[in-house]
Each structure stands twice: as C-alpha cells, then as structure tokens.
Amino acid sequence: MSKEKYCATEKLAILEEVSSGKIGFIAATKRYGMNKTTLMKWQRRYKLYGYEGLERSTRNRSYSAELKLQAVKDYVGWIVKIPDHRQIQDLKYNAA
C-alpha cells in the first residue's frame, strides 16, 4: 500500500463516493491504495468532528517556554501538597 497523503477535500470526496454507493468500501481502498483501517478512521473522524476531523493534525506540537514552566510549577506544587502515595489513593476513593 502506498503512503500517499490526501488533503481534507480529497478525503471527503472519497468518503462521499463510498457513502453514496458509487463505489464499495473495499473497492475504494484498492482504487486509492490505502488500508481499510485508514478509510474507517476517516469515516469515524468525519462523523465525530465533521470536515475539521479530516484535516491533517500535527502530532509534534511545540509549546512555549512559559507554558512548560507553568506545567512544571503546577506539578511540583501538587507533589508538595500530597507527598504520600496513600493520600492520592484516599483522594481518589473519597471523591467517588
């Protein structure tokens, strides 16, 4: 199978072909050289998020230094407040 990348518009066109019955699911995977799980992912994302779900997402996001520092401060503050593992479990079970 090829690792061809499709833009959101192309993905939508392929999904519309399948949903309208112009082409079958397996036939679409063969025609466009993709795995069936890829097409299933596209369908699921489109149903959940609409057109935006078909757009490429960047997985390796970069975060600002300020955001990273704040995350560390929040984590350290949380650790200082609850130094004992048993206290975490107590909080977990008492909240339920």
Protein backbone atom coordinates (compact mmCIF):
# COMPACT_ATOMS: atom_id res chain seq x y z
CA MET A 1 0.00 0.00 0.00
CA SER A 2 1.21 3.47 -0.75
CA LYS A 3 1.71 6.10 1.91
CA GLU A 4 0.07 8.80 -0.18
CA LYS A 5 -1.33 11.70 1.78
CA TYR A 6 -4.67 13.19 0.94
CA CYS A 7 -5.92 16.64 1.79
CA ALA A 8 -9.22 17.02 3.64
CA THR A 9 -11.11 17.82 0.42
CA GLU A 10 -9.86 14.63 -1.24
CA LYS A 11 -10.73 12.57 1.83
CA LEU A 12 -14.25 13.99 1.83
CA ALA A 13 -14.66 13.22 -1.87
CA ILE A 14 -13.62 9.60 -1.28
CA LEU A 15 -15.97 9.28 1.69
CA GLU A 16 -18.84 10.72 -0.35
CA GLU A 17 -18.13 8.22 -3.15
CA VAL A 18 -18.41 5.37 -0.67
CA SER A 19 -21.44 6.71 1.22
CA SER A 20 -23.38 7.43 -1.98
CA GLY A 21 -22.81 3.90 -3.20
CA LYS A 22 -20.80 4.91 -6.29
CA ILE A 23 -18.03 2.65 -5.09
CA GLY A 24 -17.79 -0.03 -2.44
CA PHE A 25 -15.68 0.26 0.67
CA ILE A 26 -13.10 -2.37 -0.34
CA ALA A 27 -13.05 -1.10 -3.93
CA ALA A 28 -12.25 2.39 -2.63
CA THR A 29 -9.31 1.11 -0.59
CA LYS A 30 -7.93 -0.64 -3.66
CA ARG A 31 -8.54 2.28 -6.02
CA TYR A 32 -6.89 4.82 -3.75
CA GLY A 33 -4.19 2.49 -2.43
CA MET A 34 -5.00 2.66 1.24
CA ASN A 35 -5.60 0.29 4.10
CA LYS A 36 -9.21 -0.26 5.15
CA THR A 37 -8.42 0.98 8.66
CA THR A 38 -7.40 4.32 7.18
CA LEU A 39 -10.77 4.70 5.50
CA MET A 40 -12.55 3.63 8.68
CA LYS A 41 -10.61 6.28 10.65
CA TRP A 42 -11.63 8.92 8.16
CA GLN A 43 -15.28 7.90 8.48
CA ARG A 44 -15.16 7.97 12.27
CA ARG A 45 -13.40 11.34 12.40
CA TYR A 46 -15.82 12.83 9.89
CA LYS A 47 -18.84 11.62 11.88
CA LEU A 48 -17.41 12.97 15.15
CA TYR A 49 -15.79 16.24 14.06
CA GLY A 50 -17.08 16.99 10.57
CA TYR A 51 -14.76 18.42 7.95
CA GLU A 52 -12.21 19.52 10.58
CA GLY A 53 -11.73 15.88 11.55
CA LEU A 54 -10.37 15.18 8.09
CA GLU A 55 -7.73 17.89 8.20
CA ARG A 56 -4.19 16.85 8.96
CA SER A 57 -3.16 17.32 12.55
CA THR A 58 0.35 17.98 13.66
CA ARG A 59 1.34 15.48 16.28
CA ASN A 60 4.60 17.08 17.36
CA ARG A 61 3.36 20.29 18.81
CA SER A 62 5.78 22.78 20.21
CA TYR A 63 4.91 24.53 23.43
CA SER A 64 6.16 27.87 24.66
CA ALA A 65 8.74 28.05 27.40
CA GLU A 66 6.20 29.83 29.61
CA LEU A 67 3.67 27.01 29.26
CA LYS A 68 6.29 24.37 30.01
CA LEU A 69 7.46 26.26 33.08
CA GLN A 70 3.90 26.63 34.33
CA ALA A 71 3.30 22.89 33.89
CA VAL A 72 6.40 22.08 35.95
CA LYS A 73 5.37 24.54 38.67
CA ASP A 74 1.86 23.03 38.80
CA TYR A 75 3.28 19.52 39.03
CA VAL A 76 5.81 20.42 41.73
CA GLY A 77 3.14 22.25 43.69
CA TRP A 78 0.88 19.21 43.50
CA ILE A 79 3.69 16.90 44.67
CA VAL A 80 4.45 19.18 47.63
CA LYS A 81 0.79 19.20 48.68
CA ILE A 82 0.45 15.41 48.50
CA PRO A 83 3.82 13.83 49.30
CA ASP A 84 2.43 10.42 50.30
CA HIS A 85 1.07 7.97 47.74
CA ARG A 86 -1.64 6.80 50.16
CA GLN A 87 -3.07 10.31 50.26
CA ILE A 88 -3.54 10.23 46.49
CA GLN A 89 -5.46 6.97 46.77
CA ASP A 90 -7.57 8.39 49.62
CA LEU A 91 -8.46 11.40 47.48
CA LYS A 92 -9.33 9.14 44.56
CA TYR A 93 -11.63 6.87 46.58
CA ASN A 94 -13.22 9.64 48.63
CA ALA A 95 -14.14 11.57 45.51
CA ALA A 96 -16.23 8.67 44.19
